All heavy atoms as atom14 arrays in JSON, in Angstrom:
{
  "sequence": "QGDVAVAVDIINASAAMIAAVTNTFFLWLQQRRPTYRRIEFE",
  "atom14_mask": [
    [1, 1, 1, 1, 1, 1, 1, 1, 1, 0, 0, 0, 0, 0],
    [1, 1, 1, 1, 0, 0, 0, 0, 0, 0, 0, 0, 0, 0],
    [1, 1, 1, 1, 1, 1, 1, 1, 0, 0, 0, 0, 0, 0],
    [1, 1, 1, 1, 1, 1, 1, 0, 0, 0, 0, 0, 0, 0],
    [1, 1, 1, 1, 1, 0, 0, 0, 0, 0, 0, 0, 0, 0],
    [1, 1, 1, 1, 1, 1, 1, 0, 0, 0, 0, 0, 0, 0],
    [1, 1, 1, 1, 1, 0, 0, 0, 0, 0, 0, 0, 0, 0],
    [1, 1, 1, 1, 1, 1, 1, 0, 0, 0, 0, 0, 0, 0],
    [1, 1, 1, 1, 1, 1, 1, 1, 0, 0, 0, 0, 0, 0],
    [1, 1, 1, 1, 1, 1, 1, 1, 0, 0, 0, 0, 0, 0],
    [1, 1, 1, 1, 1, 1, 1, 1, 0, 0, 0, 0, 0, 0],
    [1, 1, 1, 1, 1, 1, 1, 1, 0, 0, 0, 0, 0, 0],
    [1, 1, 1, 1, 1, 0, 0, 0, 0, 0, 0, 0, 0, 0],
    [1, 1, 1, 1, 1, 1, 0, 0, 0, 0, 0, 0, 0, 0],
    [1, 1, 1, 1, 1, 0, 0, 0, 0, 0, 0, 0, 0, 0],
    [1, 1, 1, 1, 1, 0, 0, 0, 0, 0, 0, 0, 0, 0],
    [1, 1, 1, 1, 1, 1, 1, 1, 0, 0, 0, 0, 0, 0],
    [1, 1, 1, 1, 1, 1, 1, 1, 0, 0, 0, 0, 0, 0],
    [1, 1, 1, 1, 1, 0, 0, 0, 0, 0, 0, 0, 0, 0],
    [1, 1, 1, 1, 1, 0, 0, 0, 0, 0, 0, 0, 0, 0],
    [1, 1, 1, 1, 1, 1, 1, 0, 0, 0, 0, 0, 0, 0],
    [1, 1, 1, 1, 1, 1, 1, 0, 0, 0, 0, 0, 0, 0],
    [1, 1, 1, 1, 1, 1, 1, 1, 0, 0, 0, 0, 0, 0],
    [1, 1, 1, 1, 1, 1, 1, 0, 0, 0, 0, 0, 0, 0],
    [1, 1, 1, 1, 1, 1, 1, 1, 1, 1, 1, 0, 0, 0],
    [1, 1, 1, 1, 1, 1, 1, 1, 1, 1, 1, 0, 0, 0],
    [1, 1, 1, 1, 1, 1, 1, 1, 0, 0, 0, 0, 0, 0],
    [1, 1, 1, 1, 1, 1, 1, 1, 1, 1, 1, 1, 1, 1],
    [1, 1, 1, 1, 1, 1, 1, 1, 0, 0, 0, 0, 0, 0],
    [1, 1, 1, 1, 1, 1, 1, 1, 1, 0, 0, 0, 0, 0],
    [1, 1, 1, 1, 1, 1, 1, 1, 1, 0, 0, 0, 0, 0],
    [1, 1, 1, 1, 1, 1, 1, 1, 1, 1, 1, 0, 0, 0],
    [1, 1, 1, 1, 1, 1, 1, 1, 1, 1, 1, 0, 0, 0],
    [1, 1, 1, 1, 1, 1, 1, 0, 0, 0, 0, 0, 0, 0],
    [1, 1, 1, 1, 1, 1, 1, 0, 0, 0, 0, 0, 0, 0],
    [1, 1, 1, 1, 1, 1, 1, 1, 1, 1, 1, 1, 0, 0],
    [1, 1, 1, 1, 1, 1, 1, 1, 1, 1, 1, 0, 0, 0],
    [1, 1, 1, 1, 1, 1, 1, 1, 1, 1, 1, 0, 0, 0],
    [1, 1, 1, 1, 1, 1, 1, 1, 0, 0, 0, 0, 0, 0],
    [1, 1, 1, 1, 1, 1, 1, 1, 1, 0, 0, 0, 0, 0],
    [1, 1, 1, 1, 1, 1, 1, 1, 1, 1, 1, 0, 0, 0],
    [1, 1, 1, 1, 1, 1, 1, 1, 1, 0, 0, 0, 0, 0]
  ],
  "atom14_positions": [
    [[104.04, 114.73, 92.74], [103.78, 115.62, 93.88], [103.82, 114.89, 95.21], [103.43, 113.75, 95.32], [102.47, 116.27, 93.7], [102.37, 117.22, 92.49], [101.04, 117.87, 92.43], [100.08, 117.59, 93.16], [100.91, 118.91, 91.61], [0.0, 0.0, 0.0], [0.0, 0.0, 0.0], [0.0, 0.0, 0.0], [0.0, 0.0, 0.0], [0.0, 0.0, 0.0]],
    [[104.25, 115.59, 96.21], [104.27, 114.97, 97.55], [105.4, 114.06, 97.83], [105.84, 113.33, 96.98], [0.0, 0.0, 0.0], [0.0, 0.0, 0.0], [0.0, 0.0, 0.0], [0.0, 0.0, 0.0], [0.0, 0.0, 0.0], [0.0, 0.0, 0.0], [0.0, 0.0, 0.0], [0.0, 0.0, 0.0], [0.0, 0.0, 0.0], [0.0, 0.0, 0.0]],
    [[105.96, 114.18, 99.09], [107.06, 113.29, 99.48], [106.54, 111.82, 99.53], [105.39, 111.54, 99.74], [107.52, 113.69, 100.87], [108.36, 114.99, 100.89], [108.8, 115.37, 99.72], [108.63, 115.49, 101.89], [0.0, 0.0, 0.0], [0.0, 0.0, 0.0], [0.0, 0.0, 0.0], [0.0, 0.0, 0.0], [0.0, 0.0, 0.0], [0.0, 0.0, 0.0]],
    [[107.46, 110.92, 99.32], [107.21, 109.46, 99.4], [107.69, 108.92, 100.69], [108.79, 109.11, 101.1], [107.95, 108.78, 98.2], [107.66, 107.23, 98.27], [107.44, 109.35, 96.86], [0.0, 0.0, 0.0], [0.0, 0.0, 0.0], [0.0, 0.0, 0.0], [0.0, 0.0, 0.0], [0.0, 0.0, 0.0], [0.0, 0.0, 0.0], [0.0, 0.0, 0.0]],
    [[106.83, 108.21, 101.39], [107.24, 107.53, 102.64], [107.99, 106.28, 102.33], [107.43, 105.36, 101.73], [105.98, 107.16, 103.46], [0.0, 0.0, 0.0], [0.0, 0.0, 0.0], [0.0, 0.0, 0.0], [0.0, 0.0, 0.0], [0.0, 0.0, 0.0], [0.0, 0.0, 0.0], [0.0, 0.0, 0.0], [0.0, 0.0, 0.0], [0.0, 0.0, 0.0]],
    [[109.3, 106.25, 102.65], [110.15, 105.15, 102.26], [110.41, 104.15, 103.4], [110.92, 103.07, 103.21], [111.52, 105.62, 101.61], [111.28, 106.42, 100.39], [112.29, 106.48, 102.66], [0.0, 0.0, 0.0], [0.0, 0.0, 0.0], [0.0, 0.0, 0.0], [0.0, 0.0, 0.0], [0.0, 0.0, 0.0], [0.0, 0.0, 0.0], [0.0, 0.0, 0.0]],
    [[110.08, 104.59, 104.62], [110.29, 103.73, 105.79], [109.46, 104.24, 106.95], [109.11, 105.4, 107.03], [111.76, 103.65, 106.14], [0.0, 0.0, 0.0], [0.0, 0.0, 0.0], [0.0, 0.0, 0.0], [0.0, 0.0, 0.0], [0.0, 0.0, 0.0], [0.0, 0.0, 0.0], [0.0, 0.0, 0.0], [0.0, 0.0, 0.0], [0.0, 0.0, 0.0]],
    [[109.3, 103.35, 107.95], [108.63, 103.76, 109.23], [109.71, 103.53, 110.27], [110.31, 102.44, 110.43], [107.44, 102.88, 109.47], [106.86, 103.19, 110.91], [106.32, 103.01, 108.45], [0.0, 0.0, 0.0], [0.0, 0.0, 0.0], [0.0, 0.0, 0.0], [0.0, 0.0, 0.0], [0.0, 0.0, 0.0], [0.0, 0.0, 0.0], [0.0, 0.0, 0.0]],
    [[110.04, 104.55, 111.0], [111.0, 104.49, 112.07], [110.3, 104.62, 113.41], [109.43, 105.43, 113.59], [112.0, 105.73, 111.93], [112.95, 105.53, 110.74], [113.39, 104.45, 110.44], [113.06, 106.55, 110.02], [0.0, 0.0, 0.0], [0.0, 0.0, 0.0], [0.0, 0.0, 0.0], [0.0, 0.0, 0.0], [0.0, 0.0, 0.0], [0.0, 0.0, 0.0]],
    [[110.74, 103.78, 114.34], [110.33, 103.84, 115.73], [111.51, 104.39, 116.49], [112.5, 103.73, 116.62], [109.92, 102.47, 116.28], [108.9, 101.75, 115.32], [109.38, 102.58, 117.66], [107.59, 102.5, 115.09], [0.0, 0.0, 0.0], [0.0, 0.0, 0.0], [0.0, 0.0, 0.0], [0.0, 0.0, 0.0], [0.0, 0.0, 0.0], [0.0, 0.0, 0.0]],
    [[111.38, 105.58, 116.95], [112.54, 106.28, 117.61], [112.73, 105.81, 119.03], [111.72, 105.43, 119.72], [112.22, 107.85, 117.64], [111.8, 108.35, 116.29], [113.46, 108.61, 118.13], [112.78, 108.26, 115.13], [0.0, 0.0, 0.0], [0.0, 0.0, 0.0], [0.0, 0.0, 0.0], [0.0, 0.0, 0.0], [0.0, 0.0, 0.0], [0.0, 0.0, 0.0]],
    [[113.92, 105.79, 119.49], [114.33, 105.34, 120.84], [113.77, 103.96, 121.16], [113.05, 103.82, 122.13], [113.86, 106.36, 121.91], [114.54, 107.68, 121.72], [115.74, 107.76, 121.36], [113.85, 108.77, 121.98], [0.0, 0.0, 0.0], [0.0, 0.0, 0.0], [0.0, 0.0, 0.0], [0.0, 0.0, 0.0], [0.0, 0.0, 0.0], [0.0, 0.0, 0.0]],
    [[114.04, 103.04, 120.28], [113.48, 101.67, 120.37], [114.26, 100.85, 121.42], [115.27, 100.29, 121.13], [113.47, 101.02, 119.01], [0.0, 0.0, 0.0], [0.0, 0.0, 0.0], [0.0, 0.0, 0.0], [0.0, 0.0, 0.0], [0.0, 0.0, 0.0], [0.0, 0.0, 0.0], [0.0, 0.0, 0.0], [0.0, 0.0, 0.0], [0.0, 0.0, 0.0]],
    [[113.67, 100.81, 122.62], [114.19, 99.91, 123.64], [113.76, 98.45, 123.34], [112.97, 98.22, 122.44], [113.62, 100.34, 124.96], [112.23, 100.13, 124.98], [0.0, 0.0, 0.0], [0.0, 0.0, 0.0], [0.0, 0.0, 0.0], [0.0, 0.0, 0.0], [0.0, 0.0, 0.0], [0.0, 0.0, 0.0], [0.0, 0.0, 0.0], [0.0, 0.0, 0.0]],
    [[114.35, 97.52, 124.12], [113.99, 96.13, 123.88], [112.41, 95.92, 124.09], [111.82, 95.18, 123.27], [114.81, 95.23, 124.82], [0.0, 0.0, 0.0], [0.0, 0.0, 0.0], [0.0, 0.0, 0.0], [0.0, 0.0, 0.0], [0.0, 0.0, 0.0], [0.0, 0.0, 0.0], [0.0, 0.0, 0.0], [0.0, 0.0, 0.0], [0.0, 0.0, 0.0]],
    [[111.87, 96.48, 125.12], [110.43, 96.38, 125.29], [109.6, 96.98, 124.14], [108.6, 96.47, 123.69], [110.02, 97.01, 126.57], [0.0, 0.0, 0.0], [0.0, 0.0, 0.0], [0.0, 0.0, 0.0], [0.0, 0.0, 0.0], [0.0, 0.0, 0.0], [0.0, 0.0, 0.0], [0.0, 0.0, 0.0], [0.0, 0.0, 0.0], [0.0, 0.0, 0.0]],
    [[110.09, 98.15, 123.69], [109.45, 98.84, 122.48], [109.54, 97.88, 121.26], [108.56, 97.76, 120.53], [110.09, 100.16, 122.22], [109.55, 100.93, 120.97], [107.87, 101.57, 121.26], [108.25, 102.97, 122.22], [0.0, 0.0, 0.0], [0.0, 0.0, 0.0], [0.0, 0.0, 0.0], [0.0, 0.0, 0.0], [0.0, 0.0, 0.0], [0.0, 0.0, 0.0]],
    [[110.74, 97.35, 121.02], [110.89, 96.5, 119.86], [109.89, 95.25, 119.92], [109.27, 94.98, 118.92], [112.35, 95.97, 119.72], [113.27, 97.17, 119.4], [112.49, 94.84, 118.73], [114.7, 96.84, 119.42], [0.0, 0.0, 0.0], [0.0, 0.0, 0.0], [0.0, 0.0, 0.0], [0.0, 0.0, 0.0], [0.0, 0.0, 0.0], [0.0, 0.0, 0.0]],
    [[109.81, 94.7, 121.05], [108.81, 93.54, 121.23], [107.4, 94.01, 120.93], [106.69, 93.36, 120.2], [108.95, 92.98, 122.59], [0.0, 0.0, 0.0], [0.0, 0.0, 0.0], [0.0, 0.0, 0.0], [0.0, 0.0, 0.0], [0.0, 0.0, 0.0], [0.0, 0.0, 0.0], [0.0, 0.0, 0.0], [0.0, 0.0, 0.0], [0.0, 0.0, 0.0]],
    [[107.0, 95.12, 121.51], [105.64, 95.59, 121.32], [105.39, 96.0, 119.86], [104.29, 95.68, 119.26], [105.36, 96.8, 122.26], [0.0, 0.0, 0.0], [0.0, 0.0, 0.0], [0.0, 0.0, 0.0], [0.0, 0.0, 0.0], [0.0, 0.0, 0.0], [0.0, 0.0, 0.0], [0.0, 0.0, 0.0], [0.0, 0.0, 0.0], [0.0, 0.0, 0.0]],
    [[106.32, 96.73, 119.23], [106.14, 97.09, 117.81], [106.1, 95.89, 116.91], [105.36, 95.83, 115.99], [107.2, 98.13, 117.43], [107.14, 98.38, 115.95], [107.08, 99.42, 118.19], [0.0, 0.0, 0.0], [0.0, 0.0, 0.0], [0.0, 0.0, 0.0], [0.0, 0.0, 0.0], [0.0, 0.0, 0.0], [0.0, 0.0, 0.0], [0.0, 0.0, 0.0]],
    [[106.94, 94.89, 117.22], [107.0, 93.65, 116.39], [105.67, 92.94, 116.46], [105.09, 92.52, 115.47], [108.16, 92.78, 116.84], [109.36, 93.5, 116.68], [108.23, 91.52, 115.98], [0.0, 0.0, 0.0], [0.0, 0.0, 0.0], [0.0, 0.0, 0.0], [0.0, 0.0, 0.0], [0.0, 0.0, 0.0], [0.0, 0.0, 0.0], [0.0, 0.0, 0.0]],
    [[105.09, 92.89, 117.64], [103.74, 92.23, 117.82], [102.72, 93.05, 117.09], [101.84, 92.46, 116.34], [103.4, 92.06, 119.23], [104.19, 91.02, 119.87], [104.62, 90.04, 119.26], [104.41, 91.1, 121.21], [0.0, 0.0, 0.0], [0.0, 0.0, 0.0], [0.0, 0.0, 0.0], [0.0, 0.0, 0.0], [0.0, 0.0, 0.0], [0.0, 0.0, 0.0]],
    [[102.8, 94.35, 117.17], [101.83, 95.23, 116.43], [102.0, 95.05, 114.93], [101.01, 95.03, 114.22], [102.03, 96.68, 116.89], [101.78, 96.7, 118.28], [101.06, 97.62, 116.14], [0.0, 0.0, 0.0], [0.0, 0.0, 0.0], [0.0, 0.0, 0.0], [0.0, 0.0, 0.0], [0.0, 0.0, 0.0], [0.0, 0.0, 0.0], [0.0, 0.0, 0.0]],
    [[103.25, 94.93, 114.47], [103.5, 94.78, 113.03], [102.93, 93.42, 112.54], [102.27, 93.36, 111.5], [105.02, 94.77, 112.79], [105.38, 94.37, 111.31], [105.12, 95.28, 110.25], [105.91, 93.17, 111.08], [105.41, 94.9, 109.0], [106.25, 92.81, 109.73], [105.98, 93.67, 108.72], [0.0, 0.0, 0.0], [0.0, 0.0, 0.0], [0.0, 0.0, 0.0]],
    [[102.99, 92.38, 113.39], [102.42, 91.11, 113.02], [100.93, 91.18, 112.86], [100.4, 90.68, 111.89], [102.85, 90.02, 113.99], [102.2, 88.74, 113.67], [102.6, 87.97, 112.58], [101.14, 88.19, 114.48], [102.04, 86.71, 112.3], [100.49, 87.02, 114.14], [101.0, 86.26, 113.05], [0.0, 0.0, 0.0], [0.0, 0.0, 0.0], [0.0, 0.0, 0.0]],
    [[100.27, 91.88, 113.81], [98.8, 92.04, 113.66], [98.47, 92.85, 112.42], [97.51, 92.54, 111.79], [98.26, 92.69, 114.97], [98.37, 91.88, 116.23], [98.02, 92.75, 117.44], [97.52, 90.64, 116.09], [0.0, 0.0, 0.0], [0.0, 0.0, 0.0], [0.0, 0.0, 0.0], [0.0, 0.0, 0.0], [0.0, 0.0, 0.0], [0.0, 0.0, 0.0]],
    [[99.24, 93.9, 112.17], [99.01, 94.67, 110.98], [99.12, 93.86, 109.66], [98.28, 93.83, 108.83], [99.99, 95.84, 110.92], [99.93, 96.67, 109.7], [99.11, 97.71, 109.39], [100.79, 96.52, 108.5], [99.36, 98.18, 108.17], [100.35, 97.54, 107.57], [101.83, 95.68, 108.2], [101.01, 97.64, 106.38], [102.39, 95.78, 106.94], [102.03, 96.79, 106.07]],
    [[100.21, 93.05, 109.64], [100.5, 92.14, 108.56], [99.31, 91.09, 108.39], [98.88, 90.86, 107.24], [101.75, 91.38, 108.84], [102.37, 90.6, 107.67], [102.81, 91.54, 106.57], [103.7, 89.88, 108.2], [0.0, 0.0, 0.0], [0.0, 0.0, 0.0], [0.0, 0.0, 0.0], [0.0, 0.0, 0.0], [0.0, 0.0, 0.0], [0.0, 0.0, 0.0]],
    [[98.84, 90.59, 109.44], [97.71, 89.63, 109.47], [96.52, 90.34, 108.88], [95.75, 89.68, 108.12], [97.49, 89.2, 110.87], [96.68, 87.91, 111.05], [96.71, 87.39, 112.47], [96.78, 88.28, 113.38], [96.6, 86.17, 112.72], [0.0, 0.0, 0.0], [0.0, 0.0, 0.0], [0.0, 0.0, 0.0], [0.0, 0.0, 0.0], [0.0, 0.0, 0.0]],
    [[96.22, 91.55, 109.2], [95.02, 92.26, 108.72], [95.15, 92.61, 107.21], [94.16, 92.71, 106.52], [94.79, 93.49, 109.52], [94.36, 93.22, 110.96], [93.03, 92.59, 110.99], [92.07, 93.02, 110.3], [92.83, 91.57, 111.83], [0.0, 0.0, 0.0], [0.0, 0.0, 0.0], [0.0, 0.0, 0.0], [0.0, 0.0, 0.0], [0.0, 0.0, 0.0]],
    [[96.39, 92.94, 106.79], [96.6, 93.34, 105.4], [96.72, 92.21, 104.47], [96.59, 92.41, 103.25], [97.86, 94.24, 105.3], [97.85, 95.55, 106.14], [96.57, 96.29, 105.9], [96.41, 97.46, 106.64], [95.79, 97.46, 107.9], [95.42, 96.38, 108.53], [95.63, 98.62, 108.55], [0.0, 0.0, 0.0], [0.0, 0.0, 0.0], [0.0, 0.0, 0.0]],
    [[97.09, 91.06, 104.9], [97.4, 89.91, 104.07], [96.26, 89.68, 103.02], [96.5, 89.48, 101.86], [97.65, 88.74, 104.94], [98.43, 87.55, 104.51], [98.85, 87.43, 103.02], [97.95, 86.54, 102.36], [97.44, 86.67, 101.1], [97.88, 87.62, 100.41], [96.67, 85.85, 100.59], [0.0, 0.0, 0.0], [0.0, 0.0, 0.0], [0.0, 0.0, 0.0]],
    [[94.96, 89.67, 103.41], [93.97, 89.46, 102.38], [93.87, 90.49, 101.24], [93.42, 90.26, 100.17], [92.66, 89.48, 103.19], [93.07, 89.18, 104.62], [94.44, 89.83, 104.71], [0.0, 0.0, 0.0], [0.0, 0.0, 0.0], [0.0, 0.0, 0.0], [0.0, 0.0, 0.0], [0.0, 0.0, 0.0], [0.0, 0.0, 0.0], [0.0, 0.0, 0.0]],
    [[94.34, 91.68, 101.51], [94.36, 92.78, 100.49], [95.48, 92.72, 99.52], [95.3, 93.07, 98.39], [94.44, 94.15, 101.25], [93.39, 94.2, 102.24], [94.28, 95.29, 100.34], [0.0, 0.0, 0.0], [0.0, 0.0, 0.0], [0.0, 0.0, 0.0], [0.0, 0.0, 0.0], [0.0, 0.0, 0.0], [0.0, 0.0, 0.0], [0.0, 0.0, 0.0]],
    [[96.62, 92.24, 99.93], [97.82, 92.19, 99.13], [98.17, 90.7, 98.74], [98.14, 89.88, 99.65], [99.05, 92.82, 99.79], [98.81, 94.28, 100.08], [98.28, 94.76, 101.28], [99.13, 95.24, 99.14], [98.07, 96.07, 101.53], [98.97, 96.62, 99.41], [98.37, 97.0, 100.57], [98.23, 98.31, 100.84], [0.0, 0.0, 0.0], [0.0, 0.0, 0.0]],
    [[98.55, 90.48, 97.54], [98.98, 89.12, 97.14], [100.22, 88.69, 97.88], [100.38, 87.58, 98.29], [99.24, 89.08, 95.66], [98.04, 89.04, 94.78], [98.33, 88.8, 93.34], [97.17, 89.0, 92.54], [97.19, 89.7, 91.41], [98.29, 90.17, 90.97], [96.03, 89.87, 90.78], [0.0, 0.0, 0.0], [0.0, 0.0, 0.0], [0.0, 0.0, 0.0]],
    [[101.11, 89.63, 97.98], [102.43, 89.33, 98.62], [102.94, 90.63, 99.31], [102.85, 91.71, 98.78], [103.42, 88.97, 97.56], [104.87, 88.7, 98.12], [105.79, 88.26, 96.97], [107.14, 88.03, 97.4], [107.59, 86.94, 97.91], [106.82, 85.91, 98.06], [108.83, 86.85, 98.25], [0.0, 0.0, 0.0], [0.0, 0.0, 0.0], [0.0, 0.0, 0.0]],
    [[103.29, 90.46, 100.55], [103.89, 91.59, 101.3], [105.32, 91.15, 101.7], [105.54, 90.19, 102.45], [103.03, 91.91, 102.55], [101.63, 92.28, 102.22], [103.74, 93.05, 103.35], [100.73, 92.53, 103.43], [0.0, 0.0, 0.0], [0.0, 0.0, 0.0], [0.0, 0.0, 0.0], [0.0, 0.0, 0.0], [0.0, 0.0, 0.0], [0.0, 0.0, 0.0]],
    [[106.25, 91.91, 101.13], [107.65, 91.7, 101.51], [108.02, 92.86, 102.45], [107.51, 93.96, 102.38], [108.56, 91.79, 100.24], [108.33, 90.68, 99.31], [109.26, 90.79, 98.08], [110.45, 90.89, 98.24], [108.68, 90.83, 96.98], [0.0, 0.0, 0.0], [0.0, 0.0, 0.0], [0.0, 0.0, 0.0], [0.0, 0.0, 0.0], [0.0, 0.0, 0.0]],
    [[108.93, 92.57, 103.36], [109.39, 93.61, 104.31], [110.75, 93.37, 104.82], [111.3, 92.3, 104.63], [108.38, 93.55, 105.56], [108.43, 92.3, 106.32], [109.37, 92.09, 107.31], [107.59, 91.26, 105.97], [109.39, 90.86, 108.0], [107.62, 90.03, 106.65], [108.54, 89.86, 107.64], [0.0, 0.0, 0.0], [0.0, 0.0, 0.0], [0.0, 0.0, 0.0]],
    [[111.29, 94.42, 105.36], [112.59, 94.33, 106.07], [112.46, 95.16, 107.33], [111.83, 96.19, 107.4], [113.75, 94.92, 105.29], [115.09, 94.85, 105.92], [116.23, 95.37, 105.08], [116.21, 96.61, 104.83], [117.07, 94.58, 104.76], [0.0, 0.0, 0.0], [0.0, 0.0, 0.0], [0.0, 0.0, 0.0], [0.0, 0.0, 0.0], [0.0, 0.0, 0.0]]
  ]
}
């Protein structure tokens, strides 16, 4: 039941947006690392 989230898209990603989102992703990854043995991403 329920749709599966297969990706996260950032719409209209300008260079500044890409930089901000990448930094935010890194912080998210840093916070999640203790919970998961391994986090792979693309």
